[in-house]
C-alpha atoms as a PDB file:
ATOM      1  CA  MET A   1     -38.333-110.390  -3.216  1.00  0.00           C
ATOM      2  CA  ASN A   2     -40.184-109.968   0.081  1.00  0.00           C
ATOM      3  CA  THR A   3     -38.307-110.880   3.252  1.00  0.00           C
ATOM      4  CA  ILE A   4     -40.014-112.576   6.189  1.00  0.00           C
ATOM      5  CA  LEU A   5     -38.579-112.743   9.698  1.00  0.00           C
ATOM      6  CA  ILE A   6     -39.607-115.711  11.830  1.00  0.00           C
ATOM      7  CA  VAL A   7     -39.044-115.090  15.552  1.00  0.00           C
ATOM      8  CA  GLU A   8     -39.485-118.524  17.101  1.00  0.00           C
ATOM      9  CA  ASP A   9     -37.463-120.460  19.681  1.00  0.00           C
ATOM     10  CA  ASP A  10     -38.900-123.846  18.636  1.00  0.00           C
ATOM     11  CA  THR A  11     -36.308-124.896  16.052  1.00  0.00           C
ATOM     12  CA  LEU A  12     -38.533-127.514  14.412  1.00  0.00           C
ATOM     13  CA  LEU A  13     -41.386-125.059  13.886  1.00  0.00           C
ATOM     14  CA  ALA A  14     -39.037-122.275  12.756  1.00  0.00           C
ATOM     15  CA  ASN A  15     -37.443-124.622  10.211  1.00  0.00           C
ATOM     16  CA  ALA A  16     -40.811-125.878   8.932  1.00  0.00           C
ATOM     17  CA  LEU A  17     -42.111-122.319   8.510  1.00  0.00           C
ATOM     18  CA  SER A  18     -38.863-121.216   6.913  1.00  0.00           C
ATOM     19  CA  GLU A  19     -38.937-124.085   4.417  1.00  0.00           C
ATOM     20  CA  THR A  20     -42.600-123.535   3.537  1.00  0.00           C
ATOM     21  CA  LEU A  21     -42.166-119.796   3.013  1.00  0.00           C
ATOM     22  CA  SER A  22     -38.898-120.222   1.082  1.00  0.00           C
ATOM     23  CA  GLU A  23     -40.623-122.681  -1.250  1.00  0.00           C
ATOM     24  CA  ALA A  24     -43.397-120.085  -1.695  1.00  0.00           C
ATOM     25  CA  GLY A  25     -40.783-117.650  -3.019  1.00  0.00           C
ATOM     26  CA  TYR A  26     -39.887-115.562   0.015  1.00  0.00           C
ATOM     27  CA  SER A  27     -36.520-114.739   1.508  1.00  0.00           C
ATOM     28  CA  VAL A  28     -36.650-115.960   5.117  1.00  0.00           C
ATOM     29  CA  LEU A  29     -34.644-114.921   8.173  1.00  0.00           C
ATOM     30  CA  THR A  30     -34.977-116.499  11.607  1.00  0.00           C
ATOM     31  CA  ALA A  31     -34.292-115.379  15.162  1.00  0.00           C
ATOM     32  CA  ALA A  32     -34.681-117.472  18.316  1.00  0.00           C
ATOM     33  CA  ASP A  33     -35.065-114.494  20.664  1.00  0.00           C
ATOM     34  CA  GLY A  34     -35.986-110.837  20.817  1.00  0.00           C
ATOM     35  CA  GLU A  35     -32.418-109.554  20.885  1.00  0.00           C
ATOM     36  CA  LYS A  36     -31.607-111.243  17.570  1.00  0.00           C
ATOM     37  CA  ALA A  37     -34.947-110.165  16.102  1.00  0.00           C
ATOM     38  CA  LYS A  38     -34.313-106.516  16.967  1.00  0.00           C
ATOM     39  CA  ALA A  39     -30.807-106.659  15.480  1.00  0.00           C
ATOM     40  CA  ILE A  40     -32.206-108.014  12.227  1.00  0.00           C
ATOM     41  CA  LEU A  41     -35.029-105.449  12.141  1.00  0.00           C
ATOM     42  CA  GLN A  42     -32.577-102.597  12.721  1.00  0.00           C
ATOM     43  CA  ASN A  43     -30.163-103.735  10.016  1.00  0.00           C
ATOM     44  CA  GLN A  44     -32.162-105.381   7.235  1.00  0.00           C
ATOM     45  CA  PRO A  45     -35.373-104.586   5.378  1.00  0.00           C
ATOM     46  CA  VAL A  46     -38.142-106.999   6.414  1.00  0.00           C
ATOM     47  CA  ASN A  47     -41.669-107.093   4.954  1.00  0.00           C
ATOM     48  CA  LEU A  48     -43.412-109.365   7.466  1.00  0.00           C
ATOM     49  CA  VAL A  49     -42.749-110.850  10.914  1.00  0.00           C
ATOM     50  CA  PHE A  50     -44.088-114.096  12.367  1.00  0.00           C
ATOM     51  CA  LEU A  51     -43.587-113.584  16.110  1.00  0.00           C
ATOM     52  CA  ASP A  52     -43.861-116.153  18.895  1.00  0.00           C
ATOM     53  CA  ILE A  53     -45.185-114.800  22.210  1.00  0.00           C
ATOM     54  CA  MET A  54     -43.291-117.083  24.601  1.00  0.00           C
ATOM     55  CA  LEU A  55     -39.590-116.448  23.957  1.00  0.00           C
ATOM     56  CA  PRO A  56     -36.448-116.494  26.088  1.00  0.00           C
ATOM     57  CA  GLY A  57     -35.757-113.023  27.479  1.00  0.00           C
ATOM     58  CA  GLU A  58     -38.209-110.504  26.075  1.00  0.00           C
ATOM     59  CA  ASN A  59     -41.586-111.929  25.133  1.00  0.00           C
ATOM     60  CA  GLY A  60     -43.415-111.365  21.864  1.00  0.00           C
ATOM     61  CA  TYR A  61     -45.545-108.570  23.322  1.00  0.00           C
ATOM     62  CA  ASP A  62     -42.366-106.675  24.288  1.00  0.00           C
ATOM     63  CA  ILE A  63     -40.996-107.088  20.777  1.00  0.00           C
ATOM     64  CA  LEU A  64     -44.304-106.091  19.166  1.00  0.00           C
ATOM     65  CA  ASN A  65     -44.439-102.963  21.345  1.00  0.00           C
ATOM     66  CA  TRP A  66     -40.845-102.169  20.356  1.00  0.00           C
ATOM     67  CA  ILE A  67     -41.674-102.584  16.641  1.00  0.00           C
ATOM     68  CA  ARG A  68     -44.675-100.272  17.008  1.00  0.00           C
ATOM     69  CA  SER A  69     -42.409 -97.661  18.647  1.00  0.00           C
ATOM     70  CA  GLN A  70     -39.856 -97.641  15.796  1.00  0.00           C
ATOM     71  CA  GLU A  71     -40.619 -95.016  13.150  1.00  0.00           C
ATOM     72  CA  LYS A  72     -38.977 -96.993  10.300  1.00  0.00           C
ATOM     73  CA  ILE A  73     -40.982-100.190  10.937  1.00  0.00           C
ATOM     74  CA  ILE A  74     -44.071 -98.980  12.828  1.00  0.00           C
ATOM     75  CA  THR A  75     -46.425-100.293  10.110  1.00  0.00           C
ATOM     76  CA  LEU A  76     -44.606-103.611   9.572  1.00  0.00           C
ATOM     77  CA  PRO A  77     -47.143-106.484   9.505  1.00  0.00           C
ATOM     78  CA  VAL A  78     -46.649-108.729  12.556  1.00  0.00           C
ATOM     79  CA  VAL A  79     -48.432-112.078  12.883  1.00  0.00           C
ATOM     80  CA  MET A  80     -48.340-113.521  16.381  1.00  0.00           C
ATOM     81  CA  LEU A  81     -47.664-117.264  16.683  1.00  0.00           C
ATOM     82  CA  THR A  82     -48.451-118.917  19.999  1.00  0.00           C
ATOM     83  CA  ASN A  83     -49.885-121.812  21.912  1.00  0.00           C
ATOM     84  CA  LEU A  84     -51.813-119.294  24.011  1.00  0.00           C
ATOM     85  CA  GLY A  85     -55.335-119.398  22.610  1.00  0.00           C
ATOM     86  CA  GLN A  86     -57.263-117.592  25.315  1.00  0.00           C
ATOM     87  CA  MET A  87     -59.366-114.665  24.148  1.00  0.00           C
ATOM     88  CA  ASN A  88     -57.554-112.243  26.498  1.00  0.00           C
ATOM     89  CA  GLU A  89     -54.219-113.188  24.872  1.00  0.00           C
ATOM     90  CA  ILE A  90     -55.645-112.656  21.387  1.00  0.00           C
ATOM     91  CA  ASN A  91     -57.148-109.317  22.421  1.00  0.00           C
ATOM     92  CA  GLN A  92     -53.885-108.196  24.036  1.00  0.00           C
ATOM     93  CA  ALA A  93     -51.950-108.980  20.840  1.00  0.00           C
ATOM     94  CA  MET A  94     -54.452-107.263  18.559  1.00  0.00           C
ATOM     95  CA  GLU A  95     -54.679-104.188  20.818  1.00  0.00           C
ATOM     96  CA  ALA A  96     -50.866-103.967  20.783  1.00  0.00           C
ATOM     97  CA  GLY A  97     -50.964-103.760  16.993  1.00  0.00           C
ATOM     98  CA  ALA A  98     -50.638-107.341  15.758  1.00  0.00           C
ATOM     99  CA  THR A  99     -51.818-107.906  12.191  1.00  0.00           C
ATOM    100  CA  ASP A 100     -53.120-111.399  12.964  1.00  0.00           C
ATOM    101  CA  TYR A 101     -52.895-114.178  15.550  1.00  0.00           C
ATOM    102  CA  ILE A 102     -52.240-117.837  14.744  1.00  0.00           C
ATOM    103  CA  ILE A 103     -52.426-120.621  17.316  1.00  0.00           C
ATOM    104  CA  LYS A 104     -49.525-123.034  16.756  1.00  0.00           C
ATOM    105  CA  SER A 105     -51.574-126.183  17.294  1.00  0.00           C
ATOM    106  CA  ASN A 106     -53.765-125.057  14.371  1.00  0.00           C
ATOM    107  CA  ILE A 107     -50.877-124.332  12.001  1.00  0.00           C
ATOM    108  CA  ASP A 108     -51.278-125.659   8.501  1.00  0.00           C
ATOM    109  CA  MET A 109     -48.147-124.804   6.528  1.00  0.00           C
ATOM    110  CA  GLU A 110     -49.999-124.523   3.216  1.00  0.00           C
ATOM    111  CA  LYS A 111     -52.515-122.173   4.841  1.00  0.00           C
ATOM    112  CA  ILE A 112     -49.653-120.041   6.184  1.00  0.00           C
ATOM    113  CA  ALA A 113     -48.205-119.769   2.662  1.00  0.00           C
ATOM    114  CA  THR A 114     -51.639-118.882   1.243  1.00  0.00           C
ATOM    115  CA  LEU A 115     -52.360-116.283   3.945  1.00  0.00           C
ATOM    116  CA  THR A 116     -48.931-114.770   3.385  1.00  0.00           C
ATOM    117  CA  LYS A 117     -49.607-114.351  -0.345  1.00  0.00           C
ATOM    118  CA  THR A 118     -53.233-113.204  -0.033  1.00  0.00           C
ATOM    119  CA  LYS A 119     -53.522-111.373   3.276  1.00  0.00           C
ATOM    120  CA  TYR A 120     -50.140-110.438   4.747  1.00  0.00           C
ATOM    121  CA  LEU A 121     -48.092-109.646   1.617  1.00  0.00           C
ATOM    122  CA  PRO A 122     -50.493-109.339  -1.311  1.00  0.00           C
ATOM    123  CA  SER A 123     -48.757-108.435  -4.569  1.00  0.00           C
END
């Protein structure tokens, strides 16, 4: 079973994503900050990360850069989740190695589940 890590400090959104992805058949882990996310990524196999940009402590860009510097997880798919929809933010995330970029206000939970199955973790 594929494991997804949701790095999101908004508890309601993290829970909604977790529930949707669990119902879609994935094992889901959550972290509210970068420190917890890194600990999980260092100690457990993860197949996909949904990563908020605005987090307490390190931001999502810092965590993405850290993931891309780690030999064991350098190719891990990372989907950025944010309320920041400006083109420069999207470009910064994609240039840093993000797999995709989803604006929170546009989140459709069913679409997230479908994208996960078809684009991020195809069988």
